[in-house]
Protein backbone atom coordinates (compact mmCIF):
# COMPACT_ATOMS: atom_id res chain seq x y z
CA MET A 1 103.63 106.14 116.41
CA PRO A 2 101.73 106.01 119.74
CA PHE A 3 101.75 109.83 119.91
CA ALA A 4 100.73 110.44 116.29
CA LYS A 5 97.50 112.37 115.74
CA GLY A 6 97.48 111.78 112.01
CA VAL A 7 99.37 110.19 109.15
CA SER A 8 100.32 111.56 105.76
CA ALA A 9 99.98 109.29 102.72
CA LYS A 10 101.95 110.53 99.72
CA LEU A 11 101.54 108.31 96.68
CA LYS A 12 103.20 108.48 93.28
CA VAL A 13 102.77 105.28 91.28
CA PHE A 14 99.92 102.75 91.30
CA ASP A 15 99.98 99.24 89.83
CA ALA A 16 97.09 97.70 87.87
CA GLU A 17 95.34 96.64 91.11
CA GLY A 18 95.49 100.14 92.60
CA ASN A 19 98.36 99.48 95.03
CA GLU A 20 101.18 101.98 95.49
CA THR A 21 104.34 100.37 94.13
CA SER A 22 107.05 101.80 96.38
CA ILE A 23 105.43 101.66 99.85
CA ASP A 24 103.42 98.82 101.41
CA TYR A 25 100.43 100.83 102.65
CA TYR A 26 98.52 97.70 103.65
CA ARG A 27 101.33 96.87 106.08
CA LEU A 28 101.49 100.43 107.42
CA ILE A 29 97.72 100.59 108.01
CA LYS A 30 97.86 97.21 109.76
CA ILE A 31 100.56 98.57 112.11
CA GLU A 32 98.54 101.73 112.78
CA LYS A 33 95.39 99.77 113.57
CA ARG A 34 97.32 97.49 115.90
CA LEU A 35 98.73 100.51 117.76
CA GLY A 36 95.37 102.27 117.77
CA VAL A 37 96.67 105.57 116.36
CA GLN A 38 94.75 105.79 113.06
CA LYS A 39 92.79 109.02 113.37
CA PHE A 40 93.37 111.20 110.31
CA PHE A 41 95.06 110.70 106.96
CA GLY A 42 96.47 113.57 104.95
CA MET A 43 96.51 112.49 101.30
CA GLU A 44 98.78 113.69 98.53
CA TYR A 45 99.31 112.50 94.98
CA GLU A 46 102.60 113.35 93.30
CA GLY A 47 102.46 111.08 90.29
CA SER A 48 102.14 111.91 86.63
CA VAL A 49 99.63 109.28 85.43
CA PHE A 50 96.48 110.81 86.93
CA LEU A 51 95.28 114.36 87.27
CA GLU A 52 95.62 115.55 90.87
CA LYS A 53 91.97 114.91 91.81
CA GLU A 54 91.99 111.42 90.24
CA GLY A 55 95.24 110.60 92.04
CA ILE A 56 93.80 111.70 95.38
CA MET A 57 90.67 109.61 94.79
CA ALA A 58 92.85 106.58 93.95
CA THR A 59 94.80 107.25 97.17
CA LYS A 60 91.56 107.42 99.16
CA LYS A 61 90.37 104.13 97.64
CA LEU A 62 93.64 102.43 98.57
CA LEU A 63 93.50 103.67 102.16
CA GLU A 64 89.87 102.60 102.61
């Protein structure tokens, strides 16, 4: 992680509160902030509940 220039966030399923159900992104972001490597996030949505744009916006909201 100390050499990472960016991180890719690939989400598929959100719960009712907007959290991704298979990966603890809050924990991952906390680790990145602690290491000081959070620079860029690539965002992808691969789920079937939202349209692609809606899924990416939900991903962005979660990461913010």
